[in-house]
Amino acid sequence: MMTNENVCPQLLADAANELEHFRIHHNRPDSAAPIPPACRRFVRSLPGNQRCMDCGRNHPEWASVTFGVLVCLQCSGRHRSYGVGTSVVRSIGMDAWTHAQILNLLEGGNAQLEGFFERHHLGRSSPTASIRYRTKAGKFYATHLQHHVQAVVKAGTYRGREASRNMQQQALSTEASQSSLPKEQPMSAPTIAPIAVK
């Protein structure tokens, strides 16, 4: 997954502070409010987010929450036609968002998803580009992003994309090392060889 920690450290700090304030004041899962301004600027600063994920138009104002990407108005209509089971669409400036939905945008990004699609031969120039969100690869990405965001939510205060990736890597490393440890065998009674009687 791509990261963008080269973004201005002050912008990251501002976005993290706004998101923490949002989390505290909108702590119910269904509680929603507009995206805080620094979070919006941070999302727009992510690689590829200056252009629509699907058609490349400048300054997209809509998002597929499911995939954590920005799209233009026209492509947002196409995403809506996929149905909410495939892509949930929100306006960056007009709609209310939950904490987890904002994290989807902060942890996603157009360049990240485009790179994923390219690796699976589903890039913009691919003959299957029109259905890429509904493929197994697309569904895998959306599910993986959702699980990742749930882990970030569970971790508490947002510290940026790099910190989220490091947290995920540490969890995977811990899990792998625990599963590679030899299993402790239950103790059994010692074997006693029979004594031969002459």
N, C-alpha and C. Protein backbone atom coordinates (compact mmCIF):
# COMPACT_ATOMS: atom_id res chain seq x y z
N MET A 1 0.84 -1.17 0.00
CA MET A 1 0.00 0.00 0.00
C MET A 1 0.88 1.24 0.00
N MET A 2 0.46 2.22 -0.77
CA MET A 2 1.23 3.45 -0.84
C MET A 2 0.94 4.31 0.39
N THR A 3 1.94 5.06 0.77
CA THR A 3 1.73 6.02 1.86
C THR A 3 2.17 7.39 1.37
N ASN A 4 1.79 8.42 2.07
CA ASN A 4 2.17 9.77 1.70
C ASN A 4 2.54 10.56 2.94
N GLU A 5 3.55 10.12 3.63
CA GLU A 5 3.97 10.83 4.83
C GLU A 5 4.83 12.03 4.47
N ASN A 6 5.12 12.24 3.16
CA ASN A 6 5.85 13.43 2.74
C ASN A 6 4.95 14.66 2.76
N VAL A 7 3.67 14.45 3.01
CA VAL A 7 2.75 15.56 3.14
C VAL A 7 3.22 16.41 4.31
N CYS A 8 2.92 17.66 4.27
CA CYS A 8 3.34 18.58 5.32
C CYS A 8 3.03 17.99 6.70
N PRO A 9 4.04 17.87 7.57
CA PRO A 9 3.78 17.31 8.90
C PRO A 9 2.70 18.08 9.67
N GLN A 10 2.62 19.40 9.41
CA GLN A 10 1.61 20.19 10.10
C GLN A 10 0.21 19.81 9.62
N LEU A 11 0.06 19.52 8.32
CA LEU A 11 -1.24 19.10 7.79
C LEU A 11 -1.65 17.77 8.41
N LEU A 12 -0.70 16.84 8.52
CA LEU A 12 -0.99 15.56 9.15
C LEU A 12 -1.40 15.77 10.61
N ALA A 13 -0.67 16.61 11.33
CA ALA A 13 -1.01 16.87 12.74
C ALA A 13 -2.38 17.52 12.86
N ASP A 14 -2.66 18.48 11.98
CA ASP A 14 -3.98 19.14 12.01
C ASP A 14 -5.10 18.15 11.71
N ALA A 15 -4.89 17.32 10.69
CA ALA A 15 -5.91 16.33 10.34
C ALA A 15 -6.12 15.34 11.48
N ALA A 16 -5.03 14.89 12.09
CA ALA A 16 -5.14 13.95 13.21
C ALA A 16 -5.88 14.57 14.39
N ASN A 17 -5.59 15.84 14.68
CA ASN A 17 -6.27 16.53 15.78
C ASN A 17 -7.76 16.70 15.49
N GLU A 18 -8.08 17.12 14.27
CA GLU A 18 -9.49 17.27 13.90
C GLU A 18 -10.23 15.94 13.95
N LEU A 19 -9.56 14.90 13.48
CA LEU A 19 -10.20 13.58 13.48
C LEU A 19 -10.42 13.08 14.90
N GLU A 20 -9.47 13.35 15.79
CA GLU A 20 -9.64 12.94 17.19
C GLU A 20 -10.81 13.71 17.82
N HIS A 21 -10.90 14.99 17.56
CA HIS A 21 -12.02 15.80 18.04
C HIS A 21 -13.33 15.25 17.49
N PHE A 22 -13.33 14.90 16.21
CA PHE A 22 -14.51 14.31 15.56
C PHE A 22 -14.89 13.01 16.26
N ARG A 23 -13.88 12.16 16.51
CA ARG A 23 -14.12 10.85 17.15
C ARG A 23 -14.74 11.02 18.54
N ILE A 24 -14.25 11.97 19.30
CA ILE A 24 -14.75 12.20 20.66
C ILE A 24 -16.18 12.73 20.64
N HIS A 25 -16.45 13.66 19.74
CA HIS A 25 -17.76 14.31 19.72
C HIS A 25 -18.81 13.59 18.89
N HIS A 26 -18.39 12.65 18.08
CA HIS A 26 -19.32 11.86 17.25
C HIS A 26 -18.98 10.39 17.47
N ASN A 27 -19.08 9.94 18.72
CA ASN A 27 -18.57 8.62 19.09
C ASN A 27 -19.55 7.47 18.88
N ARG A 28 -20.77 7.75 18.48
CA ARG A 28 -21.69 6.66 18.14
C ARG A 28 -21.42 6.24 16.70
N PRO A 29 -21.50 4.95 16.38
CA PRO A 29 -21.20 4.49 15.02
C PRO A 29 -22.04 5.17 13.93
N ASP A 30 -23.27 5.58 14.29
CA ASP A 30 -24.14 6.20 13.29
C ASP A 30 -24.08 7.73 13.32
N SER A 31 -23.25 8.30 14.18
CA SER A 31 -23.13 9.74 14.30
C SER A 31 -22.28 10.27 13.14
N ALA A 32 -22.83 11.26 12.42
CA ALA A 32 -22.14 11.77 11.24
C ALA A 32 -22.12 13.29 11.24
N ALA A 33 -21.11 13.85 10.56
CA ALA A 33 -20.94 15.29 10.42
C ALA A 33 -20.09 15.54 9.18
N PRO A 34 -19.99 16.79 8.72
CA PRO A 34 -19.12 17.07 7.56
C PRO A 34 -17.66 16.69 7.86
N ILE A 35 -16.92 16.40 6.81
CA ILE A 35 -15.50 16.09 6.96
C ILE A 35 -14.78 17.35 7.46
N PRO A 36 -13.99 17.24 8.52
CA PRO A 36 -13.24 18.42 9.00
C PRO A 36 -12.29 18.95 7.91
N PRO A 37 -12.06 20.27 7.88
CA PRO A 37 -11.28 20.89 6.80
C PRO A 37 -9.87 20.32 6.61
N ALA A 38 -9.12 20.11 7.67
CA ALA A 38 -7.75 19.58 7.51
C ALA A 38 -7.78 18.15 7.00
N CYS A 39 -8.77 17.38 7.42
CA CYS A 39 -8.92 16.01 6.90
C CYS A 39 -9.20 16.05 5.40
N ARG A 40 -10.04 17.00 4.99
CA ARG A 40 -10.36 17.14 3.56
C ARG A 40 -9.10 17.51 2.78
N ARG A 41 -8.31 18.45 3.32
CA ARG A 41 -7.05 18.84 2.65
C ARG A 41 -6.09 17.66 2.59
N PHE A 42 -6.01 16.88 3.68
CA PHE A 42 -5.12 15.72 3.71
C PHE A 42 -5.55 14.69 2.65
N VAL A 43 -6.84 14.43 2.57
CA VAL A 43 -7.36 13.47 1.57
C VAL A 43 -6.99 13.95 0.16
N ARG A 44 -7.16 15.22 -0.09
CA ARG A 44 -6.86 15.75 -1.43
C ARG A 44 -5.37 15.72 -1.74
N SER A 45 -4.52 15.69 -0.69
CA SER A 45 -3.07 15.67 -0.90
C SER A 45 -2.53 14.27 -1.21
N LEU A 46 -3.35 13.25 -1.03
CA LEU A 46 -2.88 11.88 -1.27
C LEU A 46 -2.58 11.66 -2.75
N PRO A 47 -1.60 10.81 -3.06
CA PRO A 47 -1.24 10.57 -4.45
C PRO A 47 -2.45 10.13 -5.29
N GLY A 48 -2.62 10.83 -6.41
CA GLY A 48 -3.69 10.49 -7.34
C GLY A 48 -5.02 11.13 -7.04
N ASN A 49 -5.19 11.69 -5.84
CA ASN A 49 -6.50 12.22 -5.45
C ASN A 49 -6.83 13.58 -6.06
N GLN A 50 -5.93 14.13 -6.86
CA GLN A 50 -6.22 15.40 -7.53
C GLN A 50 -7.06 15.17 -8.78
N ARG A 51 -7.17 13.89 -9.19
CA ARG A 51 -7.94 13.53 -10.39
C ARG A 51 -8.91 12.41 -10.05
N CYS A 52 -9.99 12.35 -10.80
CA CYS A 52 -11.00 11.29 -10.62
C CYS A 52 -10.35 9.92 -10.81
N MET A 53 -10.66 9.02 -9.94
CA MET A 53 -10.13 7.66 -10.01
C MET A 53 -10.47 6.97 -11.32
N ASP A 54 -11.64 7.24 -11.86
CA ASP A 54 -12.11 6.49 -13.02
C ASP A 54 -11.83 7.17 -14.36
N CYS A 55 -12.04 8.48 -14.46
CA CYS A 55 -11.90 9.13 -15.77
C CYS A 55 -10.74 10.11 -15.83
N GLY A 56 -10.17 10.49 -14.69
CA GLY A 56 -9.02 11.39 -14.68
C GLY A 56 -9.37 12.87 -14.65
N ARG A 57 -10.64 13.24 -14.54
CA ARG A 57 -10.99 14.66 -14.45
C ARG A 57 -10.36 15.29 -13.21
N ASN A 58 -10.01 16.58 -13.34
CA ASN A 58 -9.40 17.32 -12.22
C ASN A 58 -10.40 17.61 -11.12
N HIS A 59 -9.90 17.71 -9.90
CA HIS A 59 -10.63 18.16 -8.72
C HIS A 59 -11.93 17.40 -8.43
N PRO A 60 -11.84 16.10 -8.24
CA PRO A 60 -13.06 15.33 -7.93
C PRO A 60 -13.65 15.76 -6.58
N GLU A 61 -14.95 15.84 -6.51
CA GLU A 61 -15.65 16.30 -5.30
C GLU A 61 -16.51 15.22 -4.67
N TRP A 62 -16.44 14.02 -5.17
CA TRP A 62 -17.23 12.90 -4.65
C TRP A 62 -16.28 11.79 -4.27
N ALA A 63 -16.78 10.84 -3.48
CA ALA A 63 -15.93 9.73 -3.05
C ALA A 63 -16.71 8.43 -3.04
N SER A 64 -16.01 7.36 -3.35
CA SER A 64 -16.51 6.03 -3.06
C SER A 64 -15.94 5.70 -1.68
N VAL A 65 -16.80 5.73 -0.68
CA VAL A 65 -16.37 5.43 0.69
C VAL A 65 -15.83 4.01 0.75
N THR A 66 -16.49 3.11 0.07
CA THR A 66 -16.14 1.69 0.09
C THR A 66 -14.70 1.46 -0.33
N PHE A 67 -14.25 2.20 -1.35
CA PHE A 67 -12.90 2.00 -1.88
C PHE A 67 -11.92 3.09 -1.43
N GLY A 68 -12.42 4.11 -0.72
CA GLY A 68 -11.54 5.16 -0.23
C GLY A 68 -10.93 6.00 -1.32
N VAL A 69 -11.69 6.26 -2.40
CA VAL A 69 -11.17 7.01 -3.54
C VAL A 69 -12.07 8.19 -3.88
N LEU A 70 -11.49 9.16 -4.60
CA LEU A 70 -12.23 10.33 -5.05
C LEU A 70 -12.63 10.15 -6.52
N VAL A 71 -13.85 10.55 -6.82
CA VAL A 71 -14.38 10.48 -8.19
C VAL A 71 -15.11 11.77 -8.52
N CYS A 72 -15.29 12.02 -9.81
CA CYS A 72 -16.02 13.21 -10.25
C CYS A 72 -17.53 12.95 -10.14
N LEU A 73 -18.32 13.99 -10.40
CA LEU A 73 -19.78 13.88 -10.31
C LEU A 73 -20.31 12.81 -11.25
N GLN A 74 -19.84 12.81 -12.50
CA GLN A 74 -20.32 11.83 -13.48
C GLN A 74 -20.00 10.40 -13.05
N CYS A 75 -18.78 10.16 -12.61
CA CYS A 75 -18.40 8.81 -12.19
C CYS A 75 -19.06 8.41 -10.88
N SER A 76 -19.41 9.41 -10.05
CA SER A 76 -20.13 9.07 -8.81
C SER A 76 -21.49 8.47 -9.16
N GLY A 77 -22.10 8.95 -10.25
CA GLY A 77 -23.37 8.37 -10.71
C GLY A 77 -23.21 6.92 -11.11
N ARG A 78 -22.10 6.61 -11.77
CA ARG A 78 -21.83 5.21 -12.15
C ARG A 78 -21.66 4.35 -10.90
N HIS A 79 -20.94 4.89 -9.91
CA HIS A 79 -20.75 4.14 -8.66
C HIS A 79 -22.08 3.92 -7.96
N ARG A 80 -22.95 4.91 -7.99
CA ARG A 80 -24.28 4.74 -7.40
C ARG A 80 -25.04 3.62 -8.11
N SER A 81 -24.85 3.52 -9.42
CA SER A 81 -25.57 2.48 -10.17
C SER A 81 -25.08 1.08 -9.81
N TYR A 82 -23.87 0.96 -9.26
CA TYR A 82 -23.37 -0.35 -8.83
C TYR A 82 -24.14 -0.87 -7.62
N GLY A 83 -24.77 0.05 -6.88
CA GLY A 83 -25.50 -0.33 -5.67
C GLY A 83 -24.60 -0.22 -4.45
N VAL A 84 -25.23 -0.02 -3.28
CA VAL A 84 -24.45 0.17 -2.05
C VAL A 84 -23.72 -1.09 -1.62
N GLY A 85 -24.10 -2.24 -2.15
CA GLY A 85 -23.36 -3.46 -1.86
C GLY A 85 -21.99 -3.47 -2.50
N THR A 86 -21.79 -2.61 -3.51
CA THR A 86 -20.50 -2.52 -4.18
C THR A 86 -19.78 -1.22 -3.86
N SER A 87 -20.49 -0.08 -3.91
CA SER A 87 -19.83 1.21 -3.70
C SER A 87 -20.79 2.21 -3.07
N VAL A 88 -20.44 2.68 -1.88
CA VAL A 88 -21.20 3.72 -1.19
C VAL A 88 -20.58 5.06 -1.57
N VAL A 89 -21.40 6.00 -2.05
CA VAL A 89 -20.92 7.27 -2.56
C VAL A 89 -21.36 8.42 -1.66
N ARG A 90 -20.44 9.37 -1.43
CA ARG A 90 -20.73 10.56 -0.63
C ARG A 90 -20.05 11.77 -1.29
N SER A 91 -20.64 12.93 -1.07
CA SER A 91 -20.03 14.19 -1.50
C SER A 91 -18.99 14.60 -0.46
N ILE A 92 -17.84 15.05 -0.92
CA ILE A 92 -16.79 15.50 -0.02
C ILE A 92 -17.23 16.74 0.75
N GLY A 93 -17.97 17.64 0.11
CA GLY A 93 -18.32 18.89 0.73
C GLY A 93 -19.73 19.02 1.26
N MET A 94 -20.66 18.18 0.78
CA MET A 94 -22.06 18.38 1.15
C MET A 94 -22.62 17.34 2.12
N ASP A 95 -22.05 16.16 2.14
CA ASP A 95 -22.63 15.08 2.94
C ASP A 95 -22.02 14.98 4.33
N ALA A 96 -22.74 14.28 5.19
CA ALA A 96 -22.25 13.97 6.54
C ALA A 96 -21.53 12.62 6.48
N TRP A 97 -20.47 12.50 7.27
CA TRP A 97 -19.61 11.32 7.27
C TRP A 97 -19.45 10.80 8.69
N THR A 98 -19.26 9.49 8.82
CA THR A 98 -18.93 8.91 10.11
C THR A 98 -17.40 8.91 10.26
N HIS A 99 -16.94 8.69 11.47
CA HIS A 99 -15.51 8.60 11.74
C HIS A 99 -14.85 7.53 10.87
N ALA A 100 -15.44 6.35 10.81
CA ALA A 100 -14.87 5.25 10.01
C ALA A 100 -14.86 5.59 8.52
N GLN A 101 -15.87 6.28 8.02
CA GLN A 101 -15.90 6.64 6.61
C GLN A 101 -14.77 7.61 6.27
N ILE A 102 -14.52 8.55 7.17
CA ILE A 102 -13.41 9.49 6.96
C ILE A 102 -12.08 8.72 6.95
N LEU A 103 -11.94 7.77 7.86
CA LEU A 103 -10.72 6.95 7.88
C LEU A 103 -10.55 6.16 6.59
N ASN A 104 -11.65 5.71 5.99
CA ASN A 104 -11.55 5.02 4.70
C ASN A 104 -10.85 5.90 3.67
N LEU A 105 -11.21 7.19 3.66
CA LEU A 105 -10.57 8.11 2.72
C LEU A 105 -9.11 8.37 3.09
N LEU A 106 -8.84 8.54 4.39
CA LEU A 106 -7.47 8.81 4.83
C LEU A 106 -6.55 7.63 4.59
N GLU A 107 -7.08 6.42 4.70
CA GLU A 107 -6.27 5.21 4.53
C GLU A 107 -6.30 4.65 3.12
N GLY A 108 -7.25 5.11 2.32
CA GLY A 108 -7.34 4.66 0.92
C GLY A 108 -6.51 5.55 0.02
N GLY A 109 -7.10 5.94 -1.09
CA GLY A 109 -6.42 6.83 -2.03
C GLY A 109 -6.46 6.30 -3.44
N ASN A 110 -6.56 7.23 -4.39
CA ASN A 110 -6.67 6.86 -5.80
C ASN A 110 -5.44 6.10 -6.32
N ALA A 111 -4.25 6.61 -6.02
CA ALA A 111 -3.04 5.95 -6.53
C ALA A 111 -2.89 4.56 -5.92
N GLN A 112 -3.24 4.42 -4.66
CA GLN A 112 -3.15 3.12 -4.01
C GLN A 112 -4.07 2.10 -4.68
N LEU A 113 -5.33 2.48 -4.92
CA LEU A 113 -6.26 1.55 -5.56
C LEU A 113 -5.89 1.32 -7.02
N GLU A 114 -5.47 2.37 -7.72
CA GLU A 114 -5.08 2.20 -9.13
C GLU A 114 -3.91 1.22 -9.23
N GLY A 115 -2.94 1.34 -8.32
CA GLY A 115 -1.81 0.40 -8.30
C GLY A 115 -2.28 -1.02 -8.06
N PHE A 116 -3.22 -1.18 -7.15
CA PHE A 116 -3.78 -2.50 -6.87
C PHE A 116 -4.46 -3.06 -8.12
N PHE A 117 -5.29 -2.23 -8.75
CA PHE A 117 -5.98 -2.69 -9.97
C PHE A 117 -4.99 -3.02 -11.08
N GLU A 118 -3.94 -2.21 -11.24
CA GLU A 118 -2.92 -2.48 -12.27
C GLU A 118 -2.27 -3.84 -12.04
N ARG A 119 -1.94 -4.14 -10.78
CA ARG A 119 -1.31 -5.43 -10.46
C ARG A 119 -2.23 -6.60 -10.78
N HIS A 120 -3.53 -6.33 -10.80
CA HIS A 120 -4.50 -7.39 -11.10
C HIS A 120 -5.08 -7.25 -12.52
N HIS A 121 -4.36 -6.50 -13.36
CA HIS A 121 -4.74 -6.31 -14.77
C HIS A 121 -6.14 -5.73 -14.91
N LEU A 122 -6.47 -4.78 -14.02
CA LEU A 122 -7.77 -4.13 -14.05
C LEU A 122 -7.62 -2.61 -14.11
N GLY A 123 -6.52 -2.15 -14.67
CA GLY A 123 -6.27 -0.71 -14.75
C GLY A 123 -7.26 -0.01 -15.66
N ARG A 124 -7.16 1.32 -15.70
CA ARG A 124 -8.08 2.13 -16.49
C ARG A 124 -8.13 1.72 -17.96
N SER A 125 -6.99 1.30 -18.51
CA SER A 125 -6.94 0.93 -19.93
C SER A 125 -7.32 -0.53 -20.17
N SER A 126 -7.59 -1.25 -19.11
CA SER A 126 -7.97 -2.67 -19.23
C SER A 126 -9.36 -2.82 -19.85
N PRO A 127 -9.56 -3.88 -20.64
CA PRO A 127 -10.91 -4.10 -21.19
C PRO A 127 -11.95 -4.38 -20.10
N THR A 128 -11.50 -4.75 -18.91
CA THR A 128 -12.43 -5.06 -17.82
C THR A 128 -12.56 -3.89 -16.83
N ALA A 129 -12.03 -2.72 -17.20
CA ALA A 129 -12.05 -1.56 -16.28
C ALA A 129 -13.47 -1.19 -15.85
N SER A 130 -14.44 -1.38 -16.73
CA SER A 130 -15.81 -0.97 -16.39
C SER A 130 -16.44 -1.84 -15.31
N ILE A 131 -15.87 -3.02 -15.07
CA ILE A 131 -16.44 -3.91 -14.04
C ILE A 131 -15.48 -4.16 -12.89
N ARG A 132 -14.37 -3.45 -12.86
CA ARG A 132 -13.32 -3.77 -11.89
C ARG A 132 -13.75 -3.68 -10.43
N TYR A 133 -14.70 -2.82 -10.11
CA TYR A 133 -15.16 -2.70 -8.72
C TYR A 133 -15.99 -3.91 -8.30
N ARG A 134 -16.52 -4.63 -9.27
CA ARG A 134 -17.38 -5.77 -8.96
C ARG A 134 -16.67 -7.11 -9.11
N THR A 135 -15.36 -7.07 -9.38
CA THR A 135 -14.58 -8.31 -9.51
C THR A 135 -14.20 -8.84 -8.14
N LYS A 136 -13.68 -10.06 -8.11
CA LYS A 136 -13.18 -10.62 -6.84
C LYS A 136 -12.06 -9.76 -6.28
N ALA A 137 -11.19 -9.25 -7.16
CA ALA A 137 -10.09 -8.39 -6.71
C ALA A 137 -10.64 -7.11 -6.09
N GLY A 138 -11.63 -6.50 -6.73
CA GLY A 138 -12.24 -5.29 -6.19
C GLY A 138 -12.88 -5.53 -4.84
N LYS A 139 -13.60 -6.63 -4.73
CA LYS A 139 -14.25 -6.97 -3.46
C LYS A 139 -13.21 -7.26 -2.37
N PHE A 140 -12.12 -7.93 -2.77
CA PHE A 140 -11.03 -8.19 -1.83
C PHE A 140 -10.46 -6.89 -1.29
N TYR A 141 -10.18 -5.95 -2.19
CA TYR A 141 -9.62 -4.66 -1.77
C TYR A 141 -10.55 -3.95 -0.79
N ALA A 142 -11.83 -3.87 -1.14
CA ALA A 142 -12.79 -3.18 -0.28
C ALA A 142 -12.88 -3.84 1.09
N THR A 143 -12.89 -5.16 1.12
CA THR A 143 -12.96 -5.89 2.39
C THR A 143 -11.69 -5.66 3.20
N HIS A 144 -10.54 -5.71 2.54
CA HIS A 144 -9.26 -5.50 3.23
C HIS A 144 -9.20 -4.08 3.80
N LEU A 145 -9.63 -3.08 3.02
CA LEU A 145 -9.64 -1.70 3.51
C LEU A 145 -10.55 -1.57 4.72
N GLN A 146 -11.72 -2.19 4.67
CA GLN A 146 -12.66 -2.13 5.79
C GLN A 146 -12.04 -2.74 7.05
N HIS A 147 -11.40 -3.91 6.93
CA HIS A 147 -10.77 -4.55 8.09
C HIS A 147 -9.62 -3.69 8.63
N HIS A 148 -8.85 -3.11 7.72
CA HIS A 148 -7.75 -2.24 8.13
C HIS A 148 -8.29 -1.03 8.90
N VAL A 149 -9.33 -0.41 8.39
CA VAL A 149 -9.91 0.77 9.05
C VAL A 149 -10.48 0.38 10.42
N GLN A 150 -11.10 -0.79 10.52
CA GLN A 150 -11.60 -1.24 11.83
C GLN A 150 -10.46 -1.37 12.83
N ALA A 151 -9.31 -1.85 12.39
CA ALA A 151 -8.14 -1.96 13.28
C ALA A 151 -7.64 -0.57 13.68
N VAL A 152 -7.67 0.37 12.74
CA VAL A 152 -7.24 1.74 13.04
C VAL A 152 -8.20 2.37 14.05
N VAL A 153 -9.50 2.15 13.87
CA VAL A 153 -10.50 2.68 14.81
C VAL A 153 -10.24 2.10 16.20
N LYS A 154 -10.02 0.81 16.25
CA LYS A 154 -9.79 0.12 17.53
C LYS A 154 -8.53 0.64 18.23
N ALA A 155 -7.53 1.04 17.44
CA ALA A 155 -6.27 1.53 18.00
C ALA A 155 -6.42 2.88 18.69
N GLY A 156 -7.48 3.61 18.37
CA GLY A 156 -7.70 4.90 19.04
C GLY A 156 -7.30 6.08 18.18
N THR A 157 -6.51 6.97 18.72
CA THR A 157 -6.13 8.21 18.06
C THR A 157 -5.41 7.94 16.75
N TYR A 158 -5.83 8.63 15.70
CA TYR A 158 -5.21 8.49 14.37
C TYR A 158 -3.86 9.17 14.37
N ARG A 159 -2.85 8.48 13.86
CA ARG A 159 -1.49 9.02 13.85
C ARG A 159 -0.91 9.11 12.44
N GLY A 160 -1.73 8.85 11.44
CA GLY A 160 -1.26 8.95 10.05
C GLY A 160 -1.17 7.60 9.39
N ARG A 161 -1.03 7.65 8.08
CA ARG A 161 -1.02 6.43 7.26
C ARG A 161 0.17 5.53 7.59
N GLU A 162 1.34 6.12 7.75
CA GLU A 162 2.54 5.32 8.03
C GLU A 162 2.39 4.59 9.36
N ALA A 163 1.89 5.28 10.37
CA ALA A 163 1.69 4.66 11.68
C ALA A 163 0.66 3.53 11.58
N SER A 164 -0.38 3.73 10.78
CA SER A 164 -1.39 2.68 10.61
C SER A 164 -0.80 1.44 9.95
N ARG A 165 0.03 1.67 8.94
CA ARG A 165 0.67 0.53 8.25
C ARG A 165 1.62 -0.20 9.19
N ASN A 166 2.39 0.56 9.98
CA ASN A 166 3.32 -0.05 10.94
C ASN A 166 2.57 -0.87 11.98
N MET A 167 1.45 -0.33 12.46
CA MET A 167 0.64 -1.05 13.45
C MET A 167 0.15 -2.37 12.85
N GLN A 168 -0.29 -2.32 11.60
CA GLN A 168 -0.78 -3.52 10.93
C GLN A 168 0.36 -4.54 10.74
N GLN A 169 1.54 -4.06 10.33
CA GLN A 169 2.68 -4.95 10.14
C GLN A 169 3.10 -5.61 11.46
N GLN A 170 3.09 -4.84 12.54
CA GLN A 170 3.45 -5.40 13.84
C GLN A 170 2.45 -6.47 14.27
N ALA A 171 1.19 -6.22 14.03
CA ALA A 171 0.16 -7.21 14.39
C ALA A 171 0.34 -8.48 13.58
N LEU A 172 0.65 -8.33 12.29
CA LEU A 172 0.86 -9.51 11.44
C LEU A 172 2.11 -10.26 11.86
N SER A 173 3.18 -9.52 12.21
CA SER A 173 4.42 -10.16 12.64
C SER A 173 4.22 -10.93 13.94
N THR A 174 3.50 -10.34 14.88
CA THR A 174 3.22 -10.99 16.16
C THR A 174 2.42 -12.25 15.94
N GLU A 175 1.40 -12.13 15.09
CA GLU A 175 0.55 -13.28 14.80
C GLU A 175 1.35 -14.40 14.14
N ALA A 176 2.22 -14.02 13.20
CA ALA A 176 3.04 -15.03 12.50
C ALA A 176 4.02 -15.70 13.45
N SER A 177 4.65 -14.91 14.33
CA SER A 177 5.63 -15.51 15.24
C SER A 177 4.95 -16.42 16.25
N GLN A 178 3.75 -16.07 16.66
CA GLN A 178 3.03 -16.92 17.61
C GLN A 178 2.58 -18.22 16.95
N SER A 179 2.23 -18.16 15.68
CA SER A 179 1.78 -19.38 15.02
C SER A 179 2.95 -20.27 14.61
N SER A 180 4.18 -19.69 14.56
CA SER A 180 5.34 -20.50 14.17
C SER A 180 6.04 -21.13 15.38
N LEU A 181 5.63 -20.76 16.57
CA LEU A 181 6.24 -21.37 17.76
C LEU A 181 5.83 -22.84 17.83
N PRO A 182 6.75 -23.70 18.30
CA PRO A 182 6.37 -25.10 18.42
C PRO A 182 5.26 -25.24 19.47
N LYS A 183 4.33 -26.08 19.15
CA LYS A 183 3.22 -26.32 20.08
C LYS A 183 3.72 -27.13 21.26
N GLU A 184 3.27 -26.74 22.42
CA GLU A 184 3.66 -27.46 23.62
C GLU A 184 2.89 -28.78 23.66
N GLN A 185 3.63 -29.86 23.83
CA GLN A 185 3.00 -31.18 23.88
C GLN A 185 2.49 -31.44 25.30
N PRO A 186 1.34 -32.05 25.42
CA PRO A 186 0.84 -32.36 26.76
C PRO A 186 1.77 -33.38 27.41
N MET A 187 1.92 -33.24 28.69
CA MET A 187 2.79 -34.18 29.41
C MET A 187 2.11 -35.53 29.48
N SER A 188 2.88 -36.54 29.29
CA SER A 188 2.33 -37.90 29.41
C SER A 188 3.16 -38.68 30.43
N ALA A 189 2.60 -39.74 30.91
CA ALA A 189 3.32 -40.57 31.88
C ALA A 189 4.55 -41.15 31.21
N PRO A 190 5.66 -41.21 31.93
CA PRO A 190 6.87 -41.77 31.33
C PRO A 190 6.66 -43.23 30.97
N THR A 191 7.32 -43.64 29.92
CA THR A 191 7.20 -45.04 29.51
C THR A 191 8.15 -45.88 30.34
N ILE A 192 7.64 -46.95 30.91
CA ILE A 192 8.47 -47.83 31.71
C ILE A 192 8.56 -49.16 30.96
N ALA A 193 9.81 -49.55 30.71
CA ALA A 193 10.01 -50.81 30.01
C ALA A 193 9.71 -51.97 30.96
N PRO A 194 9.04 -52.99 30.47
CA PRO A 194 8.71 -54.14 31.33
C PRO A 194 10.00 -54.86 31.74
N ILE A 195 9.99 -55.39 32.94
CA ILE A 195 11.14 -56.13 33.46
C ILE A 195 10.94 -57.59 33.06
N ALA A 196 11.98 -58.10 32.44
CA ALA A 196 11.88 -59.52 32.05
C ALA A 196 12.16 -60.41 33.24
N VAL A 197 11.32 -61.37 33.52
CA VAL A 197 11.47 -62.31 34.63
C VAL A 197 12.08 -63.58 34.07
N LYS A 198 13.15 -64.09 34.72
CA LYS A 198 13.78 -65.32 34.27
C LYS A 198 13.32 -66.48 35.05
